[in-house]
């Protein structure tokens, strides 16, 4: 019985945290991220 109560409490907290995070309006990134990798990092495997 104790396990069921603990599991229910954890489930409710998890659901409430998901709902809280979905209500937060995070700003979208306005800077384009572009990384140029030099050819030295690529190795051909034969």
PDB file of N, CA and C in Angstrom:
ATOM      1  N   UNK A   1       0.829  -1.195   0.000  1.00  0.00           N
ATOM      2  CA  UNK A   1       0.000   0.000   0.000  1.00  0.00           C
ATOM      3  C   UNK A   1       0.873   1.259   0.000  1.00  0.00           C
ATOM      4  N   UNK A   2       1.976   1.216   0.762  1.00  0.00           N
ATOM      5  CA  UNK A   2       2.872   2.368   0.811  1.00  0.00           C
ATOM      6  C   UNK A   2       3.488   2.641  -0.560  1.00  0.00           C
ATOM      7  N   UNK A   3       3.817   1.572  -1.281  1.00  0.00           N
ATOM      8  CA  UNK A   3       4.408   1.729  -2.613  1.00  0.00           C
ATOM      9  C   UNK A   3       3.427   2.401  -3.567  1.00  0.00           C
ATOM     10  N   UNK A   4       2.171   2.041  -3.481  1.00  0.00           N
ATOM     11  CA  UNK A   4       1.156   2.629  -4.359  1.00  0.00           C
ATOM     12  C   UNK A   4       0.991   4.120  -4.069  1.00  0.00           C
ATOM     13  N   UNK A   5       1.038   4.497  -2.810  1.00  0.00           N
ATOM     14  CA  UNK A   5       0.906   5.914  -2.451  1.00  0.00           C
ATOM     15  C   UNK A   5       2.114   6.701  -2.946  1.00  0.00           C
ATOM     16  N   UNK A   6       3.309   6.150  -2.760  1.00  0.00           N
ATOM     17  CA  UNK A   6       4.518   6.816  -3.223  1.00  0.00           C
ATOM     18  C   UNK A   6       4.516   6.933  -4.744  1.00  0.00           C
ATOM     19  N   UNK A   7       4.107   5.879  -5.432  1.00  0.00           N
ATOM     20  CA  UNK A   7       4.062   5.913  -6.889  1.00  0.00           C
ATOM     21  C   UNK A   7       3.050   6.938  -7.383  1.00  0.00           C
ATOM     22  N   UNK A   8       1.917   7.045  -6.710  1.00  0.00           N
ATOM     23  CA  UNK A   8       0.895   8.019  -7.100  1.00  0.00           C
ATOM     24  C   UNK A   8       1.405   9.443  -6.879  1.00  0.00           C
ATOM     25  N   UNK A   9       2.091   9.682  -5.780  1.00  0.00           N
ATOM     26  CA  UNK A   9       2.631  11.016  -5.503  1.00  0.00           C
ATOM     27  C   UNK A   9       3.679  11.386  -6.547  1.00  0.00           C
ATOM     28  N   UNK A  10       4.565  10.463  -6.887  1.00  0.00           N
ATOM     29  CA  UNK A  10       5.587  10.719  -7.905  1.00  0.00           C
ATOM     30  C   UNK A  10       4.934  10.984  -9.257  1.00  0.00           C
ATOM     31  N   UNK A  11       3.903  10.231  -9.581  1.00  0.00           N
ATOM     32  CA  UNK A  11       3.196  10.409 -10.854  1.00  0.00           C
ATOM     33  C   UNK A  11       2.539  11.780 -10.913  1.00  0.00           C
ATOM     34  N   UNK A  12       1.899  12.202  -9.847  1.00  0.00           N
ATOM     35  CA  UNK A  12       1.235  13.509  -9.812  1.00  0.00           C
ATOM     36  C   UNK A  12       2.257  14.633  -9.928  1.00  0.00           C
ATOM     37  N   UNK A  13       3.381  14.524  -9.218  1.00  0.00           N
ATOM     38  CA  UNK A  13       4.425  15.546  -9.292  1.00  0.00           C
ATOM     39  C   UNK A  13       4.994  15.619 -10.704  1.00  0.00           C
ATOM     40  N   UNK A  14       5.187  14.478 -11.329  1.00  0.00           N
ATOM     41  CA  UNK A  14       5.707  14.445 -12.697  1.00  0.00           C
ATOM     42  C   UNK A  14       4.742  15.118 -13.659  1.00  0.00           C
ATOM     43  N   UNK A  15       3.477  14.808 -13.562  1.00  0.00           N
ATOM     44  CA  UNK A  15       2.468  15.411 -14.443  1.00  0.00           C
ATOM     45  C   UNK A  15       2.382  16.918 -14.211  1.00  0.00           C
ATOM     46  N   UNK A  16       2.394  17.351 -12.946  1.00  0.00           N
ATOM     47  CA  UNK A  16       2.331  18.782 -12.654  1.00  0.00           C
ATOM     48  C   UNK A  16       3.565  19.524 -13.167  1.00  0.00           C
ATOM     49  N   UNK A  17       4.733  18.900 -13.084  1.00  0.00           N
ATOM     50  CA  UNK A  17       5.938  19.554 -13.597  1.00  0.00           C
ATOM     51  C   UNK A  17       5.899  19.664 -15.117  1.00  0.00           C
ATOM     52  N   UNK A  18       5.352  18.661 -15.798  1.00  0.00           N
ATOM     53  CA  UNK A  18       5.216  18.732 -17.263  1.00  0.00           C
ATOM     54  C   UNK A  18       4.252  19.844 -17.645  1.00  0.00           C
ATOM     55  N   UNK A  19       3.153  19.960 -16.925  1.00  0.00           N
ATOM     56  CA  UNK A  19       2.177  21.023 -17.205  1.00  0.00           C
ATOM     57  C   UNK A  19       2.803  22.394 -16.947  1.00  0.00           C
ATOM     58  N   UNK A  20       3.569  22.537 -15.870  1.00  0.00           N
ATOM     59  CA  UNK A  20       4.200  23.822 -15.550  1.00  0.00           C
ATOM     60  C   UNK A  20       5.216  24.209 -16.614  1.00  0.00           C
ATOM     61  N   UNK A  21       6.003  23.237 -17.080  1.00  0.00           N
ATOM     62  CA  UNK A  21       7.000  23.535 -18.111  1.00  0.00           C
ATOM     63  C   UNK A  21       6.349  23.883 -19.443  1.00  0.00           C
ATOM     64  N   UNK A  22       5.199  23.294 -19.730  1.00  0.00           N
ATOM     65  CA  UNK A  22       4.539  23.589 -21.000  1.00  0.00           C
ATOM     66  C   UNK A  22       3.925  24.984 -21.004  1.00  0.00           C
ATOM     67  N   UNK A  23       3.624  25.520 -19.834  1.00  0.00           N
ATOM     68  CA  UNK A  23       3.025  26.860 -19.755  1.00  0.00           C
ATOM     69  C   UNK A  23       4.062  27.972 -19.852  1.00  0.00           C
ATOM     70  N   UNK A  24       5.340  27.648 -19.609  1.00  0.00           N
ATOM     71  CA  UNK A  24       6.395  28.657 -19.692  1.00  0.00           C
ATOM     72  C   UNK A  24       6.684  28.938 -21.158  1.00  0.00           C
ATOM     73  N   UNK A  25       6.733  30.224 -21.520  1.00  0.00           N
ATOM     74  CA  UNK A  25       6.990  30.608 -22.906  1.00  0.00           C
ATOM     75  C   UNK A  25       8.472  30.948 -23.042  1.00  0.00           C
ATOM     76  N   UNK A  26       9.251  29.958 -23.448  1.00  0.00           N
ATOM     77  CA  UNK A  26      10.680  30.176 -23.634  1.00  0.00           C
ATOM     78  C   UNK A  26      10.904  30.961 -24.921  1.00  0.00           C
ATOM     79  N   UNK A  27      11.807  31.957 -24.902  1.00  0.00           N
ATOM     80  CA  UNK A  27      12.066  32.713 -26.130  1.00  0.00           C
ATOM     81  C   UNK A  27      12.809  31.849 -27.145  1.00  0.00           C
ATOM     82  N   UNK A  28      12.449  32.011 -28.388  1.00  0.00           N
ATOM     83  CA  UNK A  28      13.124  31.246 -29.427  1.00  0.00           C
ATOM     84  C   UNK A  28      14.484  31.882 -29.712  1.00  0.00           C
ATOM     85  N   UNK A  29      15.454  31.080 -30.049  1.00  0.00           N
ATOM     86  CA  UNK A  29      16.788  31.643 -30.322  1.00  0.00           C
ATOM     87  C   UNK A  29      16.750  32.482 -31.599  1.00  0.00           C
ATOM     88  N   UNK A  30      17.367  33.657 -31.562  1.00  0.00           N
ATOM     89  CA  UNK A  30      17.353  34.526 -32.725  1.00  0.00           C
ATOM     90  C   UNK A  30      18.706  34.557 -33.423  1.00  0.00           C
ATOM     91  N   UNK A  31      19.674  33.838 -32.898  1.00  0.00           N
ATOM     92  CA  UNK A  31      20.998  33.785 -33.507  1.00  0.00           C
ATOM     93  C   UNK A  31      21.186  32.427 -34.170  1.00  0.00           C
ATOM     94  N   UNK A  32      21.563  32.450 -35.450  1.00  0.00           N
ATOM     95  CA  UNK A  32      21.779  31.195 -36.166  1.00  0.00           C
ATOM     96  C   UNK A  32      23.129  30.616 -35.750  1.00  0.00           C
ATOM     97  N   UNK A  33      23.106  29.361 -35.363  1.00  0.00           N
ATOM     98  CA  UNK A  33      24.328  28.690 -34.918  1.00  0.00           C
ATOM     99  C   UNK A  33      24.862  27.876 -36.087  1.00  0.00           C
ATOM    100  N   UNK A  34      26.079  28.209 -36.496  1.00  0.00           N
ATOM    101  CA  UNK A  34      26.682  27.491 -37.615  1.00  0.00           C
ATOM    102  C   UNK A  34      28.129  27.212 -37.257  1.00  0.00           C
ATOM    103  N   UNK A  35      28.512  25.960 -37.332  1.00  0.00           N
ATOM    104  CA  UNK A  35      29.877  25.569 -37.014  1.00  0.00           C
ATOM    105  C   UNK A  35      30.504  25.009 -38.283  1.00  0.00           C
ATOM    106  N   UNK A  36      31.627  25.582 -38.662  1.00  0.00           N
ATOM    107  CA  UNK A  36      32.338  25.099 -39.846  1.00  0.00           C
ATOM    108  C   UNK A  36      33.480  24.214 -39.367  1.00  0.00           C
ATOM    109  N   UNK A  37      33.430  22.961 -39.791  1.00  0.00           N
ATOM    110  CA  UNK A  37      34.461  22.008 -39.393  1.00  0.00           C
ATOM    111  C   UNK A  37      35.522  21.939 -40.485  1.00  0.00           C
ATOM    112  N   UNK A  38      36.781  22.069 -40.122  1.00  0.00           N
ATOM    113  CA  UNK A  38      37.822  21.941 -41.142  1.00  0.00           C
ATOM    114  C   UNK A  38      37.940  20.501 -41.611  1.00  0.00           C
ATOM    115  N   UNK A  39      38.490  20.334 -42.810  1.00  0.00           N
ATOM    116  CA  UNK A  39      38.633  18.992 -43.400  1.00  0.00           C
ATOM    117  C   UNK A  39      39.613  18.123 -42.631  1.00  0.00           C
ATOM    118  N   UNK A  40      40.430  18.708 -41.779  1.00  0.00           N
ATOM    119  CA  UNK A  40      41.408  17.941 -41.011  1.00  0.00           C
ATOM    120  C   UNK A  40      40.709  16.994 -40.033  1.00  0.00           C
ATOM    121  N   UNK A  41      39.516  17.328 -39.620  1.00  0.00           N
ATOM    122  CA  UNK A  41      38.805  16.510 -38.634  1.00  0.00           C
ATOM    123  C   UNK A  41      38.202  15.264 -39.245  1.00  0.00           C
ATOM    124  N   UNK A  42      38.041  15.236 -40.559  1.00  0.00           N
ATOM    125  CA  UNK A  42      37.443  14.089 -41.211  1.00  0.00           C
ATOM    126  C   UNK A  42      38.531  13.132 -41.694  1.00  0.00           C
ATOM    127  N   UNK A  43      38.358  11.871 -41.395  1.00  0.00           N
ATOM    128  CA  UNK A  43      39.309  10.859 -41.823  1.00  0.00           C
ATOM    129  C   UNK A  43      38.573   9.845 -42.685  1.00  0.00           C
ATOM    130  N   UNK A  44      39.198   9.450 -43.763  1.00  0.00           N
ATOM    131  CA  UNK A  44      38.592   8.464 -44.658  1.00  0.00           C
ATOM    132  C   UNK A  44      38.958   7.069 -44.169  1.00  0.00           C
ATOM    133  N   UNK A  45      37.946   6.242 -44.020  1.00  0.00           N
ATOM    134  CA  UNK A  45      38.160   4.862 -43.577  1.00  0.00           C
ATOM    135  C   UNK A  45      38.061   3.968 -44.806  1.00  0.00           C
ATOM    136  N   UNK A  46      39.144   3.232 -45.064  1.00  0.00           N
ATOM    137  CA  UNK A  46      39.164   2.336 -46.237  1.00  0.00           C
ATOM    138  C   UNK A  46      39.307   0.901 -45.806  1.00  0.00           C
TER     139      UNK A  46
END
